[in-house]
């Protein structure tokens, strides 16, 4: 067995953390972000993304806040395009 086959799944931790103050208390919230891959089907565009919670692929028909079939809530948001020489 080679070295890559021995590795398990990626760490299912959050891909982005955001902290904000709620009143006089400091509250921490975790925003899970899934980066989609565009899937063109017959008649519509869908987005497939690896779930930050269960690491399985989920398909959605739009971007934004989503609840996956596993029950995880995350933000389906594409990565910003790189800027520079085209």
N, C-alpha and C. Protein backbone atom coordinates (compact mmCIF):
# COMPACT_ATOMS: atom_id res chain seq x y z
N UNK A 1 0.85 -1.18 0.00
CA UNK A 1 0.00 0.00 0.00
C UNK A 1 0.90 1.24 0.00
N UNK A 2 0.63 2.16 -0.89
CA UNK A 2 1.47 3.35 -0.94
C UNK A 2 1.06 4.36 0.13
N UNK A 3 1.85 5.39 0.25
CA UNK A 3 1.67 6.37 1.32
C UNK A 3 0.35 7.14 1.20
N UNK A 4 -0.07 7.46 -0.02
CA UNK A 4 -1.31 8.21 -0.22
C UNK A 4 -2.54 7.40 0.15
N UNK A 5 -2.50 6.09 -0.04
CA UNK A 5 -3.65 5.26 0.27
C UNK A 5 -3.90 5.15 1.77
N UNK A 6 -2.88 5.37 2.58
CA UNK A 6 -3.02 5.26 4.03
C UNK A 6 -3.68 6.49 4.66
N UNK A 7 -3.70 7.59 3.93
CA UNK A 7 -4.27 8.82 4.48
C UNK A 7 -5.78 8.72 4.57
N UNK A 8 -6.34 9.25 5.65
CA UNK A 8 -7.78 9.27 5.81
C UNK A 8 -8.38 10.49 5.15
N UNK A 9 -9.64 10.77 5.49
CA UNK A 9 -10.30 11.95 4.96
C UNK A 9 -9.69 13.21 5.54
N UNK A 10 -9.94 14.29 4.87
CA UNK A 10 -9.45 15.58 5.35
C UNK A 10 -10.12 15.94 6.66
N UNK A 11 -9.46 16.80 7.40
CA UNK A 11 -10.02 17.26 8.66
C UNK A 11 -11.33 18.00 8.38
N UNK A 12 -12.46 17.60 8.99
CA UNK A 12 -13.75 18.20 8.65
C UNK A 12 -14.00 19.54 9.33
N UNK A 13 -12.97 20.22 9.82
CA UNK A 13 -13.15 21.48 10.51
C UNK A 13 -13.65 22.58 9.60
N UNK A 14 -13.99 23.71 10.17
CA UNK A 14 -14.53 24.82 9.38
C UNK A 14 -13.48 25.41 8.45
N UNK A 15 -13.93 25.88 7.30
CA UNK A 15 -13.01 26.48 6.36
C UNK A 15 -12.81 27.97 6.62
N UNK A 16 -13.68 28.55 7.41
CA UNK A 16 -13.52 29.96 7.74
C UNK A 16 -14.20 30.23 9.06
N UNK A 17 -13.55 30.99 9.92
CA UNK A 17 -14.15 31.37 11.19
C UNK A 17 -14.36 32.87 11.20
N UNK A 18 -15.47 33.30 11.78
CA UNK A 18 -15.72 34.73 11.92
C UNK A 18 -16.16 35.00 13.34
N UNK A 19 -15.63 36.04 13.91
CA UNK A 19 -15.95 36.41 15.28
C UNK A 19 -16.60 37.79 15.28
N UNK A 20 -17.59 37.98 16.11
CA UNK A 20 -18.24 39.28 16.20
C UNK A 20 -18.73 39.49 17.63
N UNK A 21 -18.96 40.73 17.98
CA UNK A 21 -19.45 41.06 19.31
C UNK A 21 -20.96 41.12 19.28
N UNK A 22 -21.62 40.44 20.21
CA UNK A 22 -23.07 40.44 20.30
C UNK A 22 -23.45 41.14 21.60
N UNK A 23 -23.79 42.43 21.48
CA UNK A 23 -24.12 43.19 22.68
C UNK A 23 -22.87 43.40 23.51
N UNK A 24 -22.94 43.04 24.80
CA UNK A 24 -21.78 43.20 25.66
C UNK A 24 -20.98 41.91 25.79
N UNK A 25 -21.44 40.84 25.14
CA UNK A 25 -20.74 39.56 25.19
C UNK A 25 -20.01 39.31 23.88
N UNK A 26 -18.92 38.60 23.96
CA UNK A 26 -18.19 38.22 22.76
C UNK A 26 -18.67 36.84 22.35
N UNK A 27 -19.28 36.75 21.19
CA UNK A 27 -19.81 35.47 20.70
C UNK A 27 -19.00 35.03 19.49
N UNK A 28 -18.78 33.75 19.39
CA UNK A 28 -18.03 33.20 18.26
C UNK A 28 -18.99 32.36 17.42
N UNK A 29 -19.01 32.62 16.14
CA UNK A 29 -19.80 31.80 15.22
C UNK A 29 -18.86 31.25 14.16
N UNK A 30 -19.17 30.12 13.67
CA UNK A 30 -18.36 29.49 12.63
C UNK A 30 -19.19 29.44 11.36
N UNK A 31 -18.65 30.00 10.29
CA UNK A 31 -19.31 29.98 9.00
C UNK A 31 -18.62 28.93 8.15
N UNK A 32 -19.30 27.85 7.85
CA UNK A 32 -18.74 26.82 6.98
C UNK A 32 -18.96 27.24 5.54
N UNK A 33 -17.91 27.16 4.74
CA UNK A 33 -18.00 27.55 3.34
C UNK A 33 -17.64 26.36 2.47
N UNK A 34 -18.48 26.07 1.50
CA UNK A 34 -18.21 25.01 0.52
C UNK A 34 -17.96 25.67 -0.82
N UNK A 35 -16.89 25.27 -1.49
CA UNK A 35 -16.54 25.82 -2.80
C UNK A 35 -17.12 24.93 -3.89
N UNK A 36 -18.04 25.44 -4.71
CA UNK A 36 -18.72 24.59 -5.70
C UNK A 36 -17.95 24.40 -7.00
N UNK A 37 -18.32 23.34 -7.68
CA UNK A 37 -17.88 23.05 -9.04
C UNK A 37 -19.14 23.15 -9.89
N UNK A 38 -19.05 23.85 -11.01
CA UNK A 38 -20.21 24.03 -11.88
C UNK A 38 -20.46 22.74 -12.66
N UNK A 39 -21.72 22.28 -12.63
CA UNK A 39 -22.13 21.08 -13.36
C UNK A 39 -23.24 21.51 -14.33
N UNK A 40 -22.99 21.34 -15.63
CA UNK A 40 -23.99 21.71 -16.64
C UNK A 40 -24.76 20.45 -16.99
N UNK A 41 -26.05 20.45 -16.70
CA UNK A 41 -26.91 19.31 -17.03
C UNK A 41 -27.82 19.71 -18.19
N UNK A 42 -28.63 18.81 -18.64
CA UNK A 42 -29.55 19.11 -19.73
C UNK A 42 -30.61 20.09 -19.24
N UNK A 43 -30.48 21.34 -19.61
CA UNK A 43 -31.51 22.31 -19.28
C UNK A 43 -31.21 23.24 -18.13
N UNK A 44 -30.20 22.95 -17.27
CA UNK A 44 -29.92 23.88 -16.18
C UNK A 44 -28.48 23.72 -15.68
N UNK A 45 -28.07 24.69 -14.89
CA UNK A 45 -26.75 24.68 -14.28
C UNK A 45 -26.91 24.31 -12.82
N UNK A 46 -26.09 23.36 -12.35
CA UNK A 46 -26.11 22.95 -10.95
C UNK A 46 -24.72 23.16 -10.37
N UNK A 47 -24.64 23.12 -9.05
CA UNK A 47 -23.38 23.31 -8.35
C UNK A 47 -23.15 22.11 -7.44
N UNK A 48 -22.00 21.47 -7.59
CA UNK A 48 -21.63 20.34 -6.73
C UNK A 48 -20.51 20.81 -5.81
N UNK A 49 -20.61 20.49 -4.54
CA UNK A 49 -19.59 20.89 -3.58
C UNK A 49 -19.39 19.80 -2.55
N UNK A 50 -18.16 19.71 -2.07
CA UNK A 50 -17.86 18.76 -1.00
C UNK A 50 -18.30 19.38 0.32
N UNK A 51 -19.14 18.67 1.05
CA UNK A 51 -19.70 19.17 2.30
C UNK A 51 -18.60 19.33 3.35
N UNK A 52 -18.54 20.50 4.01
CA UNK A 52 -17.53 20.70 5.04
C UNK A 52 -17.79 19.86 6.29
N UNK A 53 -18.97 19.28 6.41
CA UNK A 53 -19.31 18.48 7.60
C UNK A 53 -19.03 17.00 7.37
N UNK A 54 -19.62 16.41 6.34
CA UNK A 54 -19.50 14.96 6.13
C UNK A 54 -18.52 14.59 5.02
N UNK A 55 -18.00 15.57 4.28
CA UNK A 55 -17.04 15.38 3.20
C UNK A 55 -17.60 14.63 1.98
N UNK A 56 -18.91 14.49 1.88
CA UNK A 56 -19.52 13.90 0.69
C UNK A 56 -19.89 15.01 -0.28
N UNK A 57 -20.14 14.65 -1.55
CA UNK A 57 -20.53 15.63 -2.55
C UNK A 57 -22.04 15.84 -2.50
N UNK A 58 -22.45 17.11 -2.45
CA UNK A 58 -23.87 17.49 -2.50
C UNK A 58 -24.08 18.39 -3.71
N UNK A 59 -25.24 18.26 -4.36
CA UNK A 59 -25.56 19.09 -5.52
C UNK A 59 -26.69 20.05 -5.17
N UNK A 60 -26.54 21.29 -5.66
CA UNK A 60 -27.54 22.33 -5.43
C UNK A 60 -27.80 23.06 -6.74
N UNK A 61 -28.93 23.74 -6.84
CA UNK A 61 -29.26 24.44 -8.08
C UNK A 61 -29.01 25.94 -7.99
N UNK A 62 -28.56 26.43 -6.82
CA UNK A 62 -28.24 27.85 -6.69
C UNK A 62 -27.16 28.03 -5.63
N UNK A 63 -26.58 29.22 -5.60
CA UNK A 63 -25.57 29.57 -4.61
C UNK A 63 -26.23 30.18 -3.38
N UNK A 64 -25.49 30.34 -2.31
CA UNK A 64 -26.01 30.98 -1.10
C UNK A 64 -26.00 30.04 0.09
N UNK A 65 -26.79 30.37 1.12
CA UNK A 65 -26.87 29.53 2.31
C UNK A 65 -27.66 28.27 2.00
N UNK A 66 -27.09 27.12 2.33
CA UNK A 66 -27.70 25.83 2.00
C UNK A 66 -27.71 24.91 3.21
N UNK A 67 -28.64 23.97 3.20
CA UNK A 67 -28.66 22.88 4.15
C UNK A 67 -28.52 21.60 3.34
N UNK A 68 -27.45 20.86 3.59
CA UNK A 68 -27.19 19.64 2.85
C UNK A 68 -28.09 18.51 3.30
N UNK A 69 -28.12 17.42 2.55
CA UNK A 69 -28.95 16.27 2.92
C UNK A 69 -28.50 15.64 4.24
N UNK A 70 -27.24 15.90 4.66
CA UNK A 70 -26.75 15.37 5.93
C UNK A 70 -27.17 16.25 7.10
N UNK A 71 -27.79 17.41 6.81
CA UNK A 71 -28.24 18.31 7.86
C UNK A 71 -27.29 19.46 8.15
N UNK A 72 -26.14 19.48 7.53
CA UNK A 72 -25.16 20.55 7.76
C UNK A 72 -25.61 21.82 7.05
N UNK A 73 -25.42 22.96 7.71
CA UNK A 73 -25.71 24.26 7.11
C UNK A 73 -24.39 24.91 6.73
N UNK A 74 -24.30 25.39 5.47
CA UNK A 74 -23.07 26.01 5.01
C UNK A 74 -23.37 27.01 3.92
N UNK A 75 -22.38 27.80 3.60
CA UNK A 75 -22.50 28.81 2.56
C UNK A 75 -21.86 28.27 1.29
N UNK A 76 -22.64 28.18 0.23
CA UNK A 76 -22.14 27.72 -1.07
C UNK A 76 -21.70 28.96 -1.83
N UNK A 77 -20.38 29.14 -1.93
CA UNK A 77 -19.83 30.38 -2.47
C UNK A 77 -18.59 30.07 -3.31
N UNK A 78 -18.55 30.54 -4.58
CA UNK A 78 -17.37 30.30 -5.40
C UNK A 78 -16.17 31.09 -4.90
N UNK A 79 -15.00 30.61 -5.20
CA UNK A 79 -13.76 31.31 -4.84
C UNK A 79 -13.64 32.54 -5.69
N UNK A 80 -13.06 33.62 -5.15
CA UNK A 80 -12.85 34.83 -5.93
C UNK A 80 -11.81 34.54 -7.01
N UNK A 81 -12.03 35.10 -8.18
CA UNK A 81 -11.10 34.89 -9.28
C UNK A 81 -9.76 35.55 -8.96
N UNK A 82 -8.69 34.92 -9.42
CA UNK A 82 -7.37 35.48 -9.22
C UNK A 82 -7.19 36.67 -10.16
N UNK A 83 -6.56 37.69 -9.64
CA UNK A 83 -6.31 38.87 -10.47
C UNK A 83 -4.85 38.88 -10.87
N UNK A 84 -4.60 39.41 -12.03
CA UNK A 84 -3.22 39.47 -12.52
C UNK A 84 -3.22 39.41 -14.03
N UNK A 85 -2.11 38.96 -14.56
CA UNK A 85 -1.97 38.87 -16.01
C UNK A 85 -2.95 37.85 -16.58
N UNK A 86 -3.63 38.25 -17.63
CA UNK A 86 -4.62 37.36 -18.23
C UNK A 86 -4.09 36.65 -19.43
